[in-house]
C-alpha atoms as a PDB file:
ATOM      1  CA  MET A   1      11.954  -1.161 -50.850  1.00  0.00           C
ATOM      2  CA  PRO A   2       9.053  -3.331 -52.958  1.00  0.00           C
ATOM      3  CA  ARG A   3       5.685  -2.615 -51.078  1.00  0.00           C
ATOM      4  CA  SER A   4       4.900  -6.121 -50.133  1.00  0.00           C
ATOM      5  CA  ARG A   5       8.320  -6.177 -48.135  1.00  0.00           C
ATOM      6  CA  ALA A   6       7.598  -2.629 -46.871  1.00  0.00           C
ATOM      7  CA  TRP A   7       4.262  -3.454 -45.604  1.00  0.00           C
ATOM      8  CA  THR A   8       5.875  -6.715 -44.219  1.00  0.00           C
ATOM      9  CA  ALA A   9       8.263  -4.772 -41.983  1.00  0.00           C
ATOM     10  CA  SER A  10       5.482  -1.962 -41.294  1.00  0.00           C
ATOM     11  CA  ALA A  11       3.512  -5.315 -39.676  1.00  0.00           C
ATOM     12  CA  ALA A  12       6.390  -6.564 -37.680  1.00  0.00           C
ATOM     13  CA  LEU A  13       7.199  -3.604 -36.153  1.00  0.00           C
ATOM     14  CA  TRP A  14       3.519  -2.516 -34.726  1.00  0.00           C
ATOM     15  CA  ALA A  15       3.359  -6.042 -33.847  1.00  0.00           C
ATOM     16  CA  VAL A  16       6.528  -5.575 -31.464  1.00  0.00           C
ATOM     17  CA  VAL A  17       4.608  -2.448 -30.442  1.00  0.00           C
ATOM     18  CA  ALA A  18       1.750  -3.771 -29.728  1.00  0.00           C
ATOM     19  CA  THR A  19       3.377  -6.548 -27.468  1.00  0.00           C
ATOM     20  CA  LEU A  20       5.196  -4.393 -25.925  1.00  0.00           C
ATOM     21  CA  GLY A  21       2.175  -1.769 -24.788  1.00  0.00           C
ATOM     22  CA  CYS A  22      -0.385  -4.467 -24.571  1.00  0.00           C
ATOM     23  CA  GLU A  23       0.162  -6.927 -22.119  1.00  0.00           C
ATOM     24  CA  ARG A  24      -2.452 -10.239 -21.937  1.00  0.00           C
ATOM     25  CA  PRO A  25      -4.491 -10.138 -19.069  1.00  0.00           C
ATOM     26  CA  VAL A  26      -3.778 -13.336 -17.067  1.00  0.00           C
ATOM     27  CA  PRO A  27      -7.085 -15.923 -16.527  1.00  0.00           C
ATOM     28  CA  ILE A  28      -7.613 -16.012 -12.728  1.00  0.00           C
ATOM     29  CA  ALA A  29      -7.479 -19.759 -13.242  1.00  0.00           C
ATOM     30  CA  GLU A  30      -4.018 -19.537 -14.160  1.00  0.00           C
ATOM     31  CA  ALA A  31      -2.750 -16.836 -11.618  1.00  0.00           C
ATOM     32  CA  ALA A  32      -1.261 -19.522  -8.757  1.00  0.00           C
ATOM     33  CA  ALA A  33       0.372 -21.460 -11.451  1.00  0.00           C
ATOM     34  CA  ARG A  34       2.160 -17.947 -12.614  1.00  0.00           C
ATOM     35  CA  LEU A  35       2.747 -16.586  -9.201  1.00  0.00           C
ATOM     36  CA  HIS A  36       4.584 -20.297  -8.325  1.00  0.00           C
ATOM     37  CA  ALA A  37       6.715 -19.898 -11.470  1.00  0.00           C
ATOM     38  CA  LEU A  38       8.289 -16.763  -9.735  1.00  0.00           C
ATOM     39  CA  GLY A  39       9.682 -18.962  -7.070  1.00  0.00           C
ATOM     40  CA  GLN A  40      10.005 -16.295  -4.081  1.00  0.00           C
ATOM     41  CA  PRO A  41       8.476 -12.993  -5.653  1.00  0.00           C
ATOM     42  CA  ASN A  42       9.305  -9.572  -3.609  1.00  0.00           C
ATOM     43  CA  ALA A  43       6.346  -8.112  -1.594  1.00  0.00           C
ATOM     44  CA  VAL A  44       5.410  -4.906  -0.740  1.00  0.00           C
ATOM     45  CA  LEU A  45       2.520  -3.933   1.888  1.00  0.00           C
ATOM     46  CA  VAL A  46       1.721  -0.449   1.347  1.00  0.00           C
ATOM     47  CA  VAL A  47      -0.103   0.698   4.722  1.00  0.00           C
ATOM     48  CA  VAL A  48      -2.238   4.167   4.303  1.00  0.00           C
ATOM     49  CA  ASP A  49      -3.345   5.251   7.630  1.00  0.00           C
ATOM     50  CA  THR A  50      -7.069   6.395   8.300  1.00  0.00           C
ATOM     51  CA  LEU A  51      -7.812   5.443   4.582  1.00  0.00           C
ATOM     52  CA  ALA A  52     -11.672   4.821   4.309  1.00  0.00           C
ATOM     53  CA  ALA A  53     -12.374   2.432   1.746  1.00  0.00           C
ATOM     54  CA  GLU A  54     -15.245   4.805   0.236  1.00  0.00           C
ATOM     55  CA  ALA A  55     -13.093   7.749  -0.181  1.00  0.00           C
ATOM     56  CA  THR A  56     -10.786   6.269  -3.390  1.00  0.00           C
ATOM     57  CA  THR A  57     -11.499   5.517  -6.302  1.00  0.00           C
ATOM     58  CA  PRO A  58     -12.009   1.205  -6.646  1.00  0.00           C
ATOM     59  CA  TYR A  59     -14.440   1.770  -4.364  1.00  0.00           C
ATOM     60  CA  GLY A  60     -16.600   4.233  -5.998  1.00  0.00           C
ATOM     61  CA  ALA A  61     -15.474   7.537  -4.443  1.00  0.00           C
ATOM     62  CA  PRO A  62     -16.075  10.696  -6.764  1.00  0.00           C
ATOM     63  CA  GLY A  63     -13.411  13.331  -8.310  1.00  0.00           C
ATOM     64  CA  ASP A  64     -10.963  10.384  -8.781  1.00  0.00           C
ATOM     65  CA  PRO A  65      -8.794  10.753  -5.343  1.00  0.00           C
ATOM     66  CA  SER A  66      -6.487   7.832  -6.142  1.00  0.00           C
ATOM     67  CA  PRO A  67      -6.204   6.897  -9.870  1.00  0.00           C
ATOM     68  CA  GLU A  68      -3.151   4.972  -8.964  1.00  0.00           C
ATOM     69  CA  LEU A  69      -4.929   2.770  -6.839  1.00  0.00           C
ATOM     70  CA  ALA A  70      -7.411   2.254  -9.769  1.00  0.00           C
ATOM     71  CA  ARG A  71      -4.706   1.435 -11.821  1.00  0.00           C
ATOM     72  CA  TRP A  72      -3.578  -1.413  -9.329  1.00  0.00           C
ATOM     73  CA  ALA A  73      -7.514  -2.246  -9.625  1.00  0.00           C
ATOM     74  CA  ARG A  74      -7.793  -2.698 -13.396  1.00  0.00           C
ATOM     75  CA  ARG A  75      -5.205  -5.218 -13.520  1.00  0.00           C
ATOM     76  CA  GLY A  76      -5.341  -6.821 -10.161  1.00  0.00           C
ATOM     77  CA  VAL A  77      -7.571  -8.117  -6.892  1.00  0.00           C
ATOM     78  CA  VAL A  78     -10.076  -5.551  -5.326  1.00  0.00           C
ATOM     79  CA  PHE A  79     -11.849  -7.007  -1.702  1.00  0.00           C
ATOM     80  CA  GLU A  80     -14.970  -5.502  -1.078  1.00  0.00           C
ATOM     81  CA  GLN A  81     -15.891  -6.048   2.237  1.00  0.00           C
ATOM     82  CA  ALA A  82     -12.097  -5.508   4.075  1.00  0.00           C
ATOM     83  CA  ARG A  83     -12.727  -5.042   7.666  1.00  0.00           C
ATOM     84  CA  ALA A  84     -10.470  -3.591  10.054  1.00  0.00           C
ATOM     85  CA  GLN A  85     -10.216  -5.350  13.348  1.00  0.00           C
ATOM     86  CA  SER A  86     -10.046  -2.083  14.890  1.00  0.00           C
ATOM     87  CA  SER A  87     -10.537   1.893  15.306  1.00  0.00           C
ATOM     88  CA  TRP A  88      -6.767   2.281  16.659  1.00  0.00           C
ATOM     89  CA  THR A  89      -3.546   1.948  14.851  1.00  0.00           C
ATOM     90  CA  LYS A  90      -1.912  -0.117  17.770  1.00  0.00           C
ATOM     91  CA  VAL A  91      -4.664  -2.866  17.647  1.00  0.00           C
ATOM     92  CA  SER A  92      -5.713  -3.125  14.106  1.00  0.00           C
ATOM     93  CA  MET A  93      -2.093  -3.381  13.235  1.00  0.00           C
ATOM     94  CA  ALA A  94      -0.901  -6.189  15.606  1.00  0.00           C
ATOM     95  CA  SER A  95      -3.972  -8.021  13.937  1.00  0.00           C
ATOM     96  CA  MET A  96      -2.816  -7.323  10.270  1.00  0.00           C
ATOM     97  CA  LEU A  97       1.192  -7.895  10.899  1.00  0.00           C
ATOM     98  CA  THR A  98      -0.048 -11.157  13.098  1.00  0.00           C
ATOM     99  CA  SER A  99      -2.940 -12.568  11.573  1.00  0.00           C
ATOM    100  CA  LEU A 100      -4.611 -12.596  15.212  1.00  0.00           C
ATOM    101  CA  TRP A 101      -7.916 -11.532  16.439  1.00  0.00           C
ATOM    102  CA  PRO A 102      -6.976  -8.802  19.749  1.00  0.00           C
ATOM    103  CA  ARG A 103      -8.244 -10.950  22.375  1.00  0.00           C
ATOM    104  CA  SER A 104      -5.440 -13.270  21.039  1.00  0.00           C
ATOM    105  CA  HIS A 105      -2.492 -10.583  20.535  1.00  0.00           C
ATOM    106  CA  GLY A 106      -3.502  -9.096  23.648  1.00  0.00           C
ATOM    107  CA  VAL A 107      -2.789  -5.331  22.260  1.00  0.00           C
ATOM    108  CA  ARG A 108      -5.767  -3.318  23.733  1.00  0.00           C
ATOM    109  CA  ALA A 109      -4.239  -0.587  25.726  1.00  0.00           C
ATOM    110  CA  THR A 110      -1.890   2.344  25.453  1.00  0.00           C
ATOM    111  CA  THR A 111       0.620   1.111  27.166  1.00  0.00           C
ATOM    112  CA  ASP A 112       0.567  -2.788  25.642  1.00  0.00           C
ATOM    113  CA  GLY A 113       3.309  -3.843  23.231  1.00  0.00           C
ATOM    114  CA  LEU A 114       2.795  -6.760  20.783  1.00  0.00           C
ATOM    115  CA  GLY A 115       4.335 -10.208  22.768  1.00  0.00           C
ATOM    116  CA  GLU A 116       7.479 -12.262  21.319  1.00  0.00           C
ATOM    117  CA  SER A 117       5.442 -15.192  21.086  1.00  0.00           C
ATOM    118  CA  ALA A 118       2.735 -14.060  18.633  1.00  0.00           C
ATOM    119  CA  PRO A 119       4.624 -14.719  15.208  1.00  0.00           C
ATOM    120  CA  THR A 120       4.639 -11.848  12.466  1.00  0.00           C
ATOM    121  CA  LEU A 121       4.455 -11.288   9.344  1.00  0.00           C
ATOM    122  CA  ALA A 122       7.835 -10.177   8.403  1.00  0.00           C
ATOM    123  CA  GLU A 123       9.289 -13.223  10.833  1.00  0.00           C
ATOM    124  CA  ALA A 124       7.608 -15.648   8.673  1.00  0.00           C
ATOM    125  CA  PHE A 125       9.383 -13.905   5.541  1.00  0.00           C
ATOM    126  CA  HIS A 126      12.453 -13.879   7.172  1.00  0.00           C
ATOM    127  CA  ASP A 127      12.232 -17.638   8.347  1.00  0.00           C
ATOM    128  CA  ALA A 128      11.454 -18.301   4.211  1.00  0.00           C
ATOM    129  CA  GLY A 129      14.779 -16.468   3.221  1.00  0.00           C
ATOM    130  CA  TYR A 130      13.423 -13.148   2.772  1.00  0.00           C
ATOM    131  CA  HIS A 131      15.111  -9.584   3.499  1.00  0.00           C
ATOM    132  CA  THR A 132      12.427  -7.392   5.670  1.00  0.00           C
ATOM    133  CA  TYR A 133      12.390  -3.834   5.809  1.00  0.00           C
ATOM    134  CA  ALA A 134      10.204  -1.422   7.138  1.00  0.00           C
ATOM    135  CA  VAL A 135       9.732   2.144   6.937  1.00  0.00           C
ATOM    136  CA  GLN A 136       6.404   3.546   9.288  1.00  0.00           C
ATOM    137  CA  SER A 137       5.460   6.803  10.446  1.00  0.00           C
ATOM    138  CA  ASN A 138       3.305   6.023  13.558  1.00  0.00           C
ATOM    139  CA  GLY A 139       4.319   6.568  17.050  1.00  0.00           C
ATOM    140  CA  TRP A 140       2.278   3.600  18.163  1.00  0.00           C
ATOM    141  CA  LEU A 141       4.472   1.261  16.223  1.00  0.00           C
ATOM    142  CA  GLU A 142       7.800   2.111  17.322  1.00  0.00           C
ATOM    143  CA  GLN A 143      10.128  -0.482  18.513  1.00  0.00           C
ATOM    144  CA  THR A 144       9.350  -0.325  21.969  1.00  0.00           C
ATOM    145  CA  PHE A 145       5.962  -1.801  21.418  1.00  0.00           C
ATOM    146  CA  GLY A 146       7.259  -4.778  19.644  1.00  0.00           C
ATOM    147  CA  PHE A 147       6.261  -3.993  16.014  1.00  0.00           C
ATOM    148  CA  GLN A 148      10.093  -4.706  14.974  1.00  0.00           C
ATOM    149  CA  GLN A 149       9.980  -8.460  15.265  1.00  0.00           C
ATOM    150  CA  GLY A 150      11.445 -10.348  12.349  1.00  0.00           C
ATOM    151  CA  PHE A 151      12.867  -6.962  10.582  1.00  0.00           C
ATOM    152  CA  ASP A 152      16.182  -6.815   9.484  1.00  0.00           C
ATOM    153  CA  ARG A 153      15.436  -2.578   9.451  1.00  0.00           C
ATOM    154  CA  TYR A 154      13.124  -1.200  10.895  1.00  0.00           C
ATOM    155  CA  MET A 155      13.057   2.723  10.664  1.00  0.00           C
ATOM    156  CA  PHE A 156      11.162   6.013  11.718  1.00  0.00           C
ATOM    157  CA  PRO A 157      12.208   8.762   9.600  1.00  0.00           C
ATOM    158  CA  ARG A 158      12.092  12.511  11.303  1.00  0.00           C
ATOM    159  CA  GLY A 159      12.021  15.611   9.755  1.00  0.00           C
ATOM    160  CA  GLY A 160      12.039  16.441   6.040  1.00  0.00           C
ATOM    161  CA  ALA A 161       9.561  18.738   3.918  1.00  0.00           C
ATOM    162  CA  GLY A 162       6.594  17.879   1.990  1.00  0.00           C
ATOM    163  CA  GLY A 163       2.955  18.711   3.154  1.00  0.00           C
ATOM    164  CA  GLU A 164       1.136  20.878   5.075  1.00  0.00           C
ATOM    165  CA  ARG A 165       0.284  20.432   8.772  1.00  0.00           C
ATOM    166  CA  SER A 166       1.838  17.786   9.838  1.00  0.00           C
ATOM    167  CA  SER A 167       4.576  18.472  12.126  1.00  0.00           C
ATOM    168  CA  VAL A 168       4.674  15.300  14.366  1.00  0.00           C
ATOM    169  CA  TRP A 169       4.425  12.818  11.809  1.00  0.00           C
ATOM    170  CA  PRO A 170       7.140  12.680   8.922  1.00  0.00           C
ATOM    171  CA  HIS A 171       5.676  12.958   5.506  1.00  0.00           C
ATOM    172  CA  ALA A 172       5.064  10.750   2.499  1.00  0.00           C
ATOM    173  CA  ASP A 173       8.052  12.048   0.965  1.00  0.00           C
ATOM    174  CA  ASN A 174      10.447  11.082   4.018  1.00  0.00           C
ATOM    175  CA  ILE A 175       8.999   7.444   3.714  1.00  0.00           C
ATOM    176  CA  TYR A 176       9.029   7.109   0.137  1.00  0.00           C
ATOM    177  CA  LEU A 177      13.107   8.401   0.210  1.00  0.00           C
ATOM    178  CA  GLU A 178      13.919   6.031   2.653  1.00  0.00           C
ATOM    179  CA  ALA A 179      12.162   3.299   0.793  1.00  0.00           C
ATOM    180  CA  ALA A 180      14.037   3.702  -2.340  1.00  0.00           C
ATOM    181  CA  ARG A 181      17.323   3.944  -0.789  1.00  0.00           C
ATOM    182  CA  LEU A 182      16.429   0.478   0.519  1.00  0.00           C
ATOM    183  CA  ILE A 183      15.312  -0.837  -2.776  1.00  0.00           C
ATOM    184  CA  GLU A 184      18.518   0.561  -4.410  1.00  0.00           C
ATOM    185  CA  ALA A 185      20.708  -0.775  -2.025  1.00  0.00           C
ATOM    186  CA  HIS A 186      19.284  -4.495  -1.952  1.00  0.00           C
ATOM    187  CA  PRO A 187      21.098  -7.391  -3.701  1.00  0.00           C
ATOM    188  CA  ALA A 188      18.840  -7.687  -7.171  1.00  0.00           C
ATOM    189  CA  ASP A 189      19.108 -11.833  -6.881  1.00  0.00           C
ATOM    190  CA  GLU A 190      17.710 -11.904  -3.223  1.00  0.00           C
ATOM    191  CA  PRO A 191      13.847 -11.657  -2.028  1.00  0.00           C
ATOM    192  CA  PHE A 192      12.507  -8.920  -0.114  1.00  0.00           C
ATOM    193  CA  PHE A 193       9.846  -7.732   2.250  1.00  0.00           C
ATOM    194  CA  LEU A 194       9.390  -4.113   2.264  1.00  0.00           C
ATOM    195  CA  TYR A 195       6.223  -2.637   4.552  1.00  0.00           C
ATOM    196  CA  LEU A 196       5.864   1.116   4.560  1.00  0.00           C
ATOM    197  CA  HIS A 197       3.438   3.053   6.273  1.00  0.00           C
ATOM    198  CA  PHE A 198       1.992   6.709   5.227  1.00  0.00           C
ATOM    199  CA  MET A 199       0.540   8.979   7.908  1.00  0.00           C
ATOM    200  CA  ASP A 200      -0.521  11.859   5.753  1.00  0.00           C
ATOM    201  CA  VAL A 201      -3.840  11.059   5.625  1.00  0.00           C
ATOM    202  CA  HIS A 202      -4.485  10.840   8.814  1.00  0.00           C
ATOM    203  CA  GLU A 203      -2.973  14.088   9.436  1.00  0.00           C
ATOM    204  CA  TYR A 204      -5.148  15.666   6.531  1.00  0.00           C
ATOM    205  CA  ALA A 205      -1.804  16.875   5.188  1.00  0.00           C
ATOM    206  CA  ALA A 206      -0.954  17.508   1.456  1.00  0.00           C
ATOM    207  CA  PRO A 207       1.397  19.828  -0.803  1.00  0.00           C
ATOM    208  CA  PRO A 208      -1.343  22.650  -2.436  1.00  0.00           C
ATOM    209  CA  ASP A 209      -1.490  21.260  -5.969  1.00  0.00           C
ATOM    210  CA  HIS A 210      -3.410  18.323  -4.199  1.00  0.00           C
ATOM    211  CA  HIS A 211      -5.933  20.882  -2.859  1.00  0.00           C
ATOM    212  CA  ARG A 212      -8.838  20.600  -5.214  1.00  0.00           C
ATOM    213  CA  PHE A 213     -11.566  18.754  -3.177  1.00  0.00           C
ATOM    214  CA  GLY A 214     -13.066  21.564  -1.315  1.00  0.00           C
ATOM    215  CA  SER A 215     -12.142  23.781   1.621  1.00  0.00           C
ATOM    216  CA  ASP A 216     -13.671  21.846   4.454  1.00  0.00           C
ATOM    217  CA  ASP A 217     -12.101  18.857   6.572  1.00  0.00           C
ATOM    218  CA  ARG A 218     -13.304  16.554   3.997  1.00  0.00           C
ATOM    219  CA  GLY A 219     -11.614  18.001   1.151  1.00  0.00           C
ATOM    220  CA  ALA A 220      -8.234  18.329   3.171  1.00  0.00           C
ATOM    221  CA  TYR A 221      -8.675  14.498   3.459  1.00  0.00           C
ATOM    222  CA  LEU A 222      -9.166  13.510  -0.025  1.00  0.00           C
ATOM    223  CA  ALA A 223      -6.737  15.979  -0.898  1.00  0.00           C
ATOM    224  CA  ALA A 224      -4.144  13.970   1.165  1.00  0.00           C
ATOM    225  CA  ILE A 225      -5.549  10.561  -0.377  1.00  0.00           C
ATOM    226  CA  SER A 226      -4.743  11.823  -3.655  1.00  0.00           C
ATOM    227  CA  TRP A 227      -1.243  13.186  -2.336  1.00  0.00           C
ATOM    228  CA  VAL A 228      -0.043   9.579  -1.086  1.00  0.00           C
ATOM    229  CA  ASP A 229      -1.396   8.066  -4.061  1.00  0.00           C
ATOM    230  CA  GLU A 230       0.991  10.341  -6.101  1.00  0.00           C
ATOM    231  CA  VAL A 231       3.851   9.006  -4.083  1.00  0.00           C
ATOM    232  CA  VAL A 232       2.212   5.323  -3.988  1.00  0.00           C
ATOM    233  CA  GLU A 233       2.724   5.940  -8.305  1.00  0.00           C
ATOM    234  CA  ARG A 234       6.370   7.147  -7.346  1.00  0.00           C
ATOM    235  CA  LEU A 235       7.335   3.531  -5.574  1.00  0.00           C
ATOM    236  CA  ARG A 236       5.654   1.327  -8.163  1.00  0.00           C
ATOM    237  CA  ARG A 237       7.363   3.389 -11.015  1.00  0.00           C
ATOM    238  CA  LYS A 238      10.666   2.665  -8.628  1.00  0.00           C
ATOM    239  CA  LEU A 239      10.399  -0.476  -8.545  1.00  0.00           C
ATOM    240  CA  ASP A 240       9.800  -0.948 -12.317  1.00  0.00           C
ATOM    241  CA  HIS A 241      13.251   0.675 -13.206  1.00  0.00           C
ATOM    242  CA  GLU A 242      14.750  -0.988 -10.907  1.00  0.00           C
ATOM    243  CA  GLY A 243      13.704  -4.309 -12.890  1.00  0.00           C
ATOM    244  CA  LEU A 244      11.817  -5.387 -10.030  1.00  0.00           C
ATOM    245  CA  LEU A 245       8.037  -4.600 -10.748  1.00  0.00           C
ATOM    246  CA  ASP A 246       7.971  -7.780 -12.806  1.00  0.00           C
ATOM    247  CA  ARG A 247       8.370  -9.807  -9.996  1.00  0.00           C
ATOM    248  CA  THR A 248       6.980  -8.220  -6.600  1.00  0.00           C
ATOM    249  CA  ILE A 249       3.221  -8.133  -5.090  1.00  0.00           C
ATOM    250  CA  LEU A 250       2.026  -4.791  -4.160  1.00  0.00           C
ATOM    251  CA  VAL A 251      -0.234  -4.600  -1.550  1.00  0.00           C
ATOM    252  CA  LEU A 252      -2.078  -1.632  -0.327  1.00  0.00           C
ATOM    253  CA  ALA A 253      -4.435  -1.474   2.644  1.00  0.00           C
ATOM    254  CA  SER A 254      -5.125   0.715   5.968  1.00  0.00           C
ATOM    255  CA  ASP A 255      -5.220  -0.099   9.593  1.00  0.00           C
ATOM    256  CA  HIS A 256      -8.704   1.817   9.805  1.00  0.00           C
ATOM    257  CA  GLY A 257     -10.916   4.591   8.107  1.00  0.00           C
ATOM    258  CA  GLU A 258     -12.264   7.986   9.148  1.00  0.00           C
ATOM    259  CA  SER A 259     -15.975   9.525   9.911  1.00  0.00           C
ATOM    260  CA  PHE A 260     -16.993  12.954   8.727  1.00  0.00           C
ATOM    261  CA  GLY A 261     -20.370  13.657  10.710  1.00  0.00           C
ATOM    262  CA  GLU A 262     -21.995  10.008  10.231  1.00  0.00           C
ATOM    263  CA  HIS A 263     -23.730   8.946  13.194  1.00  0.00           C
ATOM    264  CA  GLY A 264     -22.957  12.139  14.611  1.00  0.00           C
ATOM    265  CA  VAL A 265     -19.224  11.283  15.329  1.00  0.00           C
ATOM    266  CA  HIS A 266     -16.119  12.576  13.544  1.00  0.00           C
ATOM    267  CA  GLY A 267     -12.704  11.011  13.466  1.00  0.00           C
ATOM    268  CA  HIS A 268     -11.877   7.061  14.147  1.00  0.00           C
ATOM    269  CA  ALA A 269     -11.368   6.668  17.832  1.00  0.00           C
ATOM    270  CA  ARG A 270     -13.873   4.717  19.423  1.00  0.00           C
ATOM    271  CA  ASN A 271     -15.811   4.366  16.394  1.00  0.00           C
ATOM    272  CA  VAL A 272     -17.066   1.087  15.600  1.00  0.00           C
ATOM    273  CA  PHE A 273     -19.197   1.859  12.543  1.00  0.00           C
ATOM    274  CA  SER A 274     -18.731   1.055   9.193  1.00  0.00           C
ATOM    275  CA  SER A 275     -17.230   4.474   7.894  1.00  0.00           C
ATOM    276  CA  VAL A 276     -14.532   3.482  10.226  1.00  0.00           C
ATOM    277  CA  LEU A 277     -13.899  -0.046   9.846  1.00  0.00           C
ATOM    278  CA  SER A 278     -14.863  -0.586   5.996  1.00  0.00           C
ATOM    279  CA  VAL A 279     -11.142  -0.485   4.673  1.00  0.00           C
ATOM    280  CA  PRO A 280      -9.717  -0.903   1.322  1.00  0.00           C
ATOM    281  CA  LEU A 281      -7.479  -3.688   0.427  1.00  0.00           C
ATOM    282  CA  VAL A 282      -6.267  -3.974  -3.118  1.00  0.00           C
ATOM    283  CA  LEU A 283      -3.472  -6.663  -4.508  1.00  0.00           C
ATOM    284  CA  ARG A 284      -1.380  -5.735  -7.224  1.00  0.00           C
ATOM    285  CA  LEU A 285       0.629  -8.918  -8.964  1.00  0.00           C
ATOM    286  CA  PRO A 286       3.474  -8.805 -10.762  1.00  0.00           C
ATOM    287  CA  PHE A 287       1.723  -9.875 -13.937  1.00  0.00           C
ATOM    288  CA  ALA A 288      -1.794  -7.832 -15.419  1.00  0.00           C
ATOM    289  CA  LEU A 289      -4.378 -10.117 -14.067  1.00  0.00           C
ATOM    290  CA  GLU A 290      -8.075 -10.273 -14.901  1.00  0.00           C
ATOM    291  CA  PRO A 291      -9.218  -7.795 -13.128  1.00  0.00           C
ATOM    292  CA  LEU A 292     -11.032  -9.896 -10.012  1.00  0.00           C
ATOM    293  CA  ARG A 293     -13.064  -8.148  -7.475  1.00  0.00           C
ATOM    294  CA  VAL A 294     -14.122 -10.041  -3.919  1.00  0.00           C
END
């Protein structure tokens, strides 16, 4: 082959490789139009219970405990001042799923449930023609409290292995496996909303290979964050494998954070200091966006 022709073929090959490997970030000004062009993109809401913003990589945590979330941040949107509406899951999630202040949705006590008069996020998606699924692992959000409103399927997987210390809550593995089954069974040409709720960070539970942050409670907490981050990466790869990632919006949030001695308090209940109310909120769009911190 003549040298010039060989060079041309080689250049063409490298151009294809570069195109496949380097997605051009979409300017922020063009994001709305790109989303509109997708019609009805899928939406996945990942809630990591008890996840403080300051304990994640995009918000400056040392040791890189959440590299997958950092990947989302580098090509998506990070909200720097997201605040939970409560230090307790039941109240906070009622606000997250209805966009109502606690005084409006009325969920405050252990016996309170979400009323049917409060429109939920799932109901909004369902009314827009979406299939709606939830796989969650917090007992305060069981169907007896009304949080299943608007979901076609609302699942609480039980049993199984995967982490340590947790005998009450399902492990992240169980949540992921149920989510994967739903994704595989879903009609490929119809939109869906999927809500996943992980409890491993609340329990400081993680497999041994994630325990690299120290032997105290703070180290166990960070190990659990690293573990759930790995499972979230598996979720993103599963969506990609099924050909759904390029039309799916991914959102990671938390119901509240955790204290480790700040102001003399440990844990989160009945605590409204910043370490508990400051939570991560990160969006990964179906296309690479110029990184945006709001």
